[in-house]
Amino acid sequence: MNWIMNFRIKLKAESLNRLSFFFKEVIAIYPYHAIIKQRIRNGELIDIQDCENYNKVGRCKLLIFSSPPFKRPIRPERFEEYRDILLNFYERRGIMDSS
């Protein structure tokens, strides 16, 4: 009878480990950049700031939005990915000319 209890406990522990691993994987695939780009296309972006030492991120472009979450940092390795989107933002705001 004792081995049955040990087996049940071991089975529960393995199931919890698998479940924990599953949720870690699900959380890890949050589409951070896709959501930011969608918010920019929706017109929620109101400002862009260059930051040298933002909270635990370091150098980044800080995108300021009109709705929560208001601030979203973009690291330098992603700058090229946002280049066209941000140029369109600057042109619409009249900060840069299109030439």
N, C-alpha and C. Protein backbone atom coordinates (compact mmCIF):
# COMPACT_ATOMS: atom_id res chain seq x y z
N MET A 1 0.82 -1.21 0.00
CA MET A 1 0.00 0.00 0.00
C MET A 1 0.86 1.27 0.00
N ASN A 2 1.99 1.22 0.68
CA ASN A 2 2.87 2.37 0.78
C ASN A 2 3.45 2.76 -0.57
N TRP A 3 3.77 1.77 -1.41
CA TRP A 3 4.34 2.07 -2.74
C TRP A 3 3.32 2.78 -3.62
N ILE A 4 2.03 2.50 -3.41
CA ILE A 4 0.98 3.18 -4.17
C ILE A 4 0.96 4.66 -3.81
N MET A 5 1.07 5.00 -2.55
CA MET A 5 1.09 6.39 -2.11
C MET A 5 2.33 7.11 -2.67
N ASN A 6 3.48 6.43 -2.62
CA ASN A 6 4.70 7.03 -3.17
C ASN A 6 4.56 7.28 -4.66
N PHE A 7 3.95 6.35 -5.36
CA PHE A 7 3.75 6.50 -6.81
C PHE A 7 2.84 7.69 -7.10
N ARG A 8 1.76 7.82 -6.34
CA ARG A 8 0.83 8.94 -6.52
C ARG A 8 1.52 10.28 -6.27
N ILE A 9 2.33 10.35 -5.21
CA ILE A 9 3.04 11.59 -4.91
C ILE A 9 4.03 11.93 -6.02
N LYS A 10 4.76 10.91 -6.50
CA LYS A 10 5.71 11.14 -7.58
C LYS A 10 4.99 11.58 -8.86
N LEU A 11 3.87 10.96 -9.16
CA LEU A 11 3.09 11.31 -10.35
C LEU A 11 2.59 12.75 -10.26
N LYS A 12 2.11 13.18 -9.10
CA LYS A 12 1.65 14.55 -8.91
C LYS A 12 2.80 15.54 -9.09
N ALA A 13 3.95 15.22 -8.54
CA ALA A 13 5.11 16.11 -8.66
C ALA A 13 5.52 16.26 -10.12
N GLU A 14 5.54 15.16 -10.87
CA GLU A 14 5.90 15.22 -12.28
C GLU A 14 4.86 16.03 -13.06
N SER A 15 3.59 15.86 -12.75
CA SER A 15 2.54 16.61 -13.43
C SER A 15 2.67 18.09 -13.16
N LEU A 16 2.96 18.46 -11.93
CA LEU A 16 3.14 19.88 -11.59
C LEU A 16 4.35 20.46 -12.30
N ASN A 17 5.43 19.69 -12.39
CA ASN A 17 6.62 20.17 -13.11
C ASN A 17 6.30 20.40 -14.58
N ARG A 18 5.57 19.49 -15.20
CA ARG A 18 5.20 19.67 -16.60
C ARG A 18 4.29 20.87 -16.77
N LEU A 19 3.34 21.03 -15.87
CA LEU A 19 2.42 22.16 -15.94
C LEU A 19 3.17 23.47 -15.76
N SER A 20 4.10 23.51 -14.81
CA SER A 20 4.91 24.71 -14.59
C SER A 20 5.73 25.03 -15.83
N PHE A 21 6.35 24.02 -16.44
CA PHE A 21 7.12 24.21 -17.66
C PHE A 21 6.23 24.76 -18.78
N PHE A 22 5.02 24.21 -18.90
CA PHE A 22 4.08 24.66 -19.93
C PHE A 22 3.76 26.14 -19.77
N PHE A 23 3.47 26.58 -18.56
CA PHE A 23 3.11 27.98 -18.35
C PHE A 23 4.31 28.91 -18.55
N LYS A 24 5.51 28.45 -18.22
CA LYS A 24 6.69 29.26 -18.50
C LYS A 24 6.86 29.46 -20.00
N GLU A 25 6.61 28.41 -20.78
CA GLU A 25 6.72 28.49 -22.23
C GLU A 25 5.65 29.43 -22.80
N VAL A 26 4.43 29.35 -22.29
CA VAL A 26 3.34 30.19 -22.78
C VAL A 26 3.63 31.66 -22.50
N ILE A 27 4.12 31.96 -21.32
CA ILE A 27 4.41 33.34 -20.94
C ILE A 27 5.58 33.87 -21.76
N ALA A 28 6.54 33.03 -22.10
CA ALA A 28 7.74 33.47 -22.80
C ALA A 28 7.48 33.91 -24.23
N ILE A 29 6.33 33.56 -24.80
CA ILE A 29 6.08 33.90 -26.20
C ILE A 29 5.17 35.11 -26.35
N TYR A 30 5.15 36.01 -25.37
CA TYR A 30 4.37 37.23 -25.46
C TYR A 30 4.88 38.07 -26.64
N PRO A 31 4.01 38.46 -27.56
CA PRO A 31 4.43 39.17 -28.78
C PRO A 31 4.68 40.67 -28.53
N TYR A 32 5.69 40.99 -27.74
CA TYR A 32 6.00 42.35 -27.31
C TYR A 32 6.10 43.32 -28.49
N HIS A 33 6.94 43.01 -29.46
CA HIS A 33 7.17 43.93 -30.57
C HIS A 33 5.99 44.00 -31.53
N ALA A 34 5.30 42.90 -31.73
CA ALA A 34 4.12 42.92 -32.60
C ALA A 34 3.04 43.82 -32.02
N ILE A 35 2.86 43.78 -30.73
CA ILE A 35 1.84 44.62 -30.09
C ILE A 35 2.24 46.09 -30.16
N ILE A 36 3.52 46.39 -29.95
CA ILE A 36 3.99 47.78 -30.04
C ILE A 36 3.77 48.32 -31.45
N LYS A 37 4.13 47.54 -32.47
CA LYS A 37 3.95 47.98 -33.86
C LYS A 37 2.47 48.20 -34.18
N GLN A 38 1.61 47.34 -33.67
CA GLN A 38 0.17 47.51 -33.88
C GLN A 38 -0.32 48.80 -33.23
N ARG A 39 0.17 49.09 -32.03
CA ARG A 39 -0.23 50.32 -31.33
C ARG A 39 0.24 51.55 -32.09
N ILE A 40 1.43 51.48 -32.69
CA ILE A 40 1.93 52.61 -33.49
C ILE A 40 1.03 52.80 -34.71
N ARG A 41 0.68 51.71 -35.39
CA ARG A 41 -0.20 51.80 -36.56
C ARG A 41 -1.59 52.33 -36.19
N ASN A 42 -2.02 52.04 -34.96
CA ASN A 42 -3.33 52.51 -34.49
C ASN A 42 -3.31 53.99 -34.08
N GLY A 43 -2.14 54.61 -34.12
CA GLY A 43 -2.05 56.03 -33.79
C GLY A 43 -1.93 56.33 -32.31
N GLU A 44 -1.56 55.36 -31.50
CA GLU A 44 -1.44 55.57 -30.06
C GLU A 44 -0.11 56.20 -29.65
N LEU A 45 0.89 56.16 -30.53
CA LEU A 45 2.21 56.71 -30.20
C LEU A 45 2.15 58.23 -30.18
N ILE A 46 2.60 58.82 -29.06
CA ILE A 46 2.56 60.29 -28.96
C ILE A 46 3.94 60.92 -28.87
N ASP A 47 4.97 60.15 -28.48
CA ASP A 47 6.31 60.73 -28.38
C ASP A 47 7.35 59.62 -28.38
N ILE A 48 8.58 60.00 -28.74
CA ILE A 48 9.73 59.09 -28.72
C ILE A 48 10.87 59.83 -28.03
N GLN A 49 11.50 59.16 -27.06
CA GLN A 49 12.63 59.75 -26.35
C GLN A 49 13.84 58.83 -26.46
N ASP A 50 15.01 59.40 -26.63
CA ASP A 50 16.25 58.63 -26.58
C ASP A 50 16.72 58.62 -25.14
N CYS A 51 16.91 57.44 -24.59
CA CYS A 51 17.35 57.31 -23.20
C CYS A 51 18.69 56.59 -23.16
N GLU A 52 19.59 57.08 -22.34
CA GLU A 52 20.90 56.45 -22.20
C GLU A 52 20.91 55.39 -21.10
N ASN A 53 20.06 55.56 -20.07
CA ASN A 53 20.09 54.62 -18.96
C ASN A 53 18.68 54.43 -18.41
N TYR A 54 17.83 53.79 -19.17
CA TYR A 54 16.46 53.53 -18.72
C TYR A 54 16.44 52.33 -17.78
N ASN A 55 15.47 52.27 -16.89
CA ASN A 55 15.34 51.24 -15.85
C ASN A 55 15.75 49.84 -16.30
N LYS A 56 16.90 49.39 -15.89
CA LYS A 56 17.41 48.04 -16.13
C LYS A 56 17.49 47.65 -17.60
N VAL A 57 17.32 48.60 -18.50
CA VAL A 57 17.38 48.32 -19.94
C VAL A 57 18.65 48.92 -20.52
N GLY A 58 19.05 50.07 -20.02
CA GLY A 58 20.21 50.76 -20.57
C GLY A 58 19.79 51.69 -21.69
N ARG A 59 20.61 51.76 -22.74
CA ARG A 59 20.32 52.64 -23.87
C ARG A 59 19.12 52.10 -24.64
N CYS A 60 18.17 52.98 -24.96
CA CYS A 60 16.97 52.56 -25.69
C CYS A 60 16.24 53.77 -26.26
N LYS A 61 15.30 53.49 -27.12
CA LYS A 61 14.32 54.49 -27.53
C LYS A 61 13.08 54.19 -26.70
N LEU A 62 12.60 55.20 -26.01
CA LEU A 62 11.44 55.03 -25.16
C LEU A 62 10.23 55.54 -25.91
N LEU A 63 9.31 54.64 -26.23
CA LEU A 63 8.09 55.02 -26.95
C LEU A 63 7.02 55.35 -25.92
N ILE A 64 6.40 56.52 -26.08
CA ILE A 64 5.37 56.99 -25.16
C ILE A 64 4.02 56.88 -25.87
N PHE A 65 3.09 56.17 -25.24
CA PHE A 65 1.78 55.93 -25.84
C PHE A 65 0.69 56.68 -25.07
N SER A 66 -0.46 56.82 -25.71
CA SER A 66 -1.57 57.56 -25.12
C SER A 66 -2.41 56.70 -24.17
N SER A 67 -2.19 55.39 -24.15
CA SER A 67 -2.95 54.50 -23.27
C SER A 67 -2.00 53.50 -22.60
N PRO A 68 -2.42 52.92 -21.49
CA PRO A 68 -1.53 52.00 -20.77
C PRO A 68 -1.23 50.74 -21.59
N PRO A 69 -0.05 50.20 -21.41
CA PRO A 69 1.11 50.74 -20.72
C PRO A 69 1.70 51.91 -21.50
N PHE A 70 1.94 53.00 -20.82
CA PHE A 70 2.31 54.25 -21.47
C PHE A 70 3.73 54.26 -22.04
N LYS A 71 4.67 53.60 -21.37
CA LYS A 71 6.07 53.62 -21.80
C LYS A 71 6.51 52.23 -22.21
N ARG A 72 7.16 52.17 -23.38
CA ARG A 72 7.70 50.90 -23.87
C ARG A 72 9.10 51.13 -24.43
N PRO A 73 10.13 50.52 -23.80
CA PRO A 73 11.50 50.69 -24.30
C PRO A 73 11.80 49.74 -25.47
N ILE A 74 12.60 50.25 -26.40
CA ILE A 74 13.08 49.45 -27.53
C ILE A 74 14.60 49.46 -27.46
N ARG A 75 15.21 48.30 -27.38
CA ARG A 75 16.67 48.19 -27.29
C ARG A 75 17.33 48.47 -28.65
N PRO A 76 18.61 48.86 -28.64
CA PRO A 76 19.31 49.21 -29.89
C PRO A 76 19.30 48.11 -30.95
N GLU A 77 19.34 46.86 -30.56
CA GLU A 77 19.35 45.78 -31.55
C GLU A 77 18.04 45.68 -32.34
N ARG A 78 17.00 46.36 -31.87
CA ARG A 78 15.70 46.37 -32.57
C ARG A 78 15.44 47.68 -33.32
N PHE A 79 16.35 48.65 -33.24
CA PHE A 79 16.13 49.95 -33.87
C PHE A 79 15.85 49.81 -35.37
N GLU A 80 16.62 49.01 -36.07
CA GLU A 80 16.47 48.86 -37.52
C GLU A 80 15.07 48.32 -37.87
N GLU A 81 14.57 47.45 -37.05
CA GLU A 81 13.24 46.86 -37.26
C GLU A 81 12.14 47.93 -37.20
N TYR A 82 12.36 48.97 -36.41
CA TYR A 82 11.37 50.03 -36.22
C TYR A 82 11.62 51.24 -37.12
N ARG A 83 12.68 51.23 -37.89
CA ARG A 83 13.11 52.40 -38.66
C ARG A 83 12.00 53.00 -39.51
N ASP A 84 11.39 52.20 -40.38
CA ASP A 84 10.35 52.71 -41.28
C ASP A 84 9.11 53.20 -40.52
N ILE A 85 8.73 52.47 -39.51
CA ILE A 85 7.55 52.84 -38.72
C ILE A 85 7.78 54.19 -38.04
N LEU A 86 8.97 54.37 -37.46
CA LEU A 86 9.26 55.61 -36.75
C LEU A 86 9.45 56.78 -37.72
N LEU A 87 10.02 56.51 -38.90
CA LEU A 87 10.13 57.58 -39.91
C LEU A 87 8.75 58.08 -40.32
N ASN A 88 7.81 57.17 -40.50
CA ASN A 88 6.43 57.56 -40.82
C ASN A 88 5.83 58.39 -39.70
N PHE A 89 6.12 58.02 -38.45
CA PHE A 89 5.62 58.79 -37.31
C PHE A 89 6.16 60.21 -37.35
N TYR A 90 7.49 60.35 -37.57
CA TYR A 90 8.10 61.68 -37.62
C TYR A 90 7.54 62.51 -38.78
N GLU A 91 7.33 61.90 -39.93
CA GLU A 91 6.79 62.63 -41.08
C GLU A 91 5.37 63.13 -40.80
N ARG A 92 4.55 62.30 -40.19
CA ARG A 92 3.18 62.71 -39.87
C ARG A 92 3.17 63.85 -38.86
N ARG A 93 4.13 63.87 -37.96
CA ARG A 93 4.21 64.93 -36.96
C ARG A 93 4.85 66.19 -37.51
N GLY A 94 5.39 66.12 -38.74
CA GLY A 94 6.03 67.27 -39.35
C GLY A 94 7.41 67.55 -38.83
N ILE A 95 8.01 66.54 -38.17
CA ILE A 95 9.34 66.71 -37.61
C ILE A 95 10.41 66.57 -38.69
N MET A 96 10.14 65.70 -39.66
CA MET A 96 11.09 65.50 -40.76
C MET A 96 10.36 65.70 -42.07
N ASP A 97 11.08 66.13 -43.10
CA ASP A 97 10.44 66.19 -44.40
C ASP A 97 10.66 64.84 -45.10
N SER A 98 9.87 64.56 -46.09
CA SER A 98 9.90 63.23 -46.73
C SER A 98 11.02 63.08 -47.74
N SER A 99 11.83 64.11 -47.99
CA SER A 99 12.89 64.00 -48.98
C SER A 99 14.14 63.34 -48.44
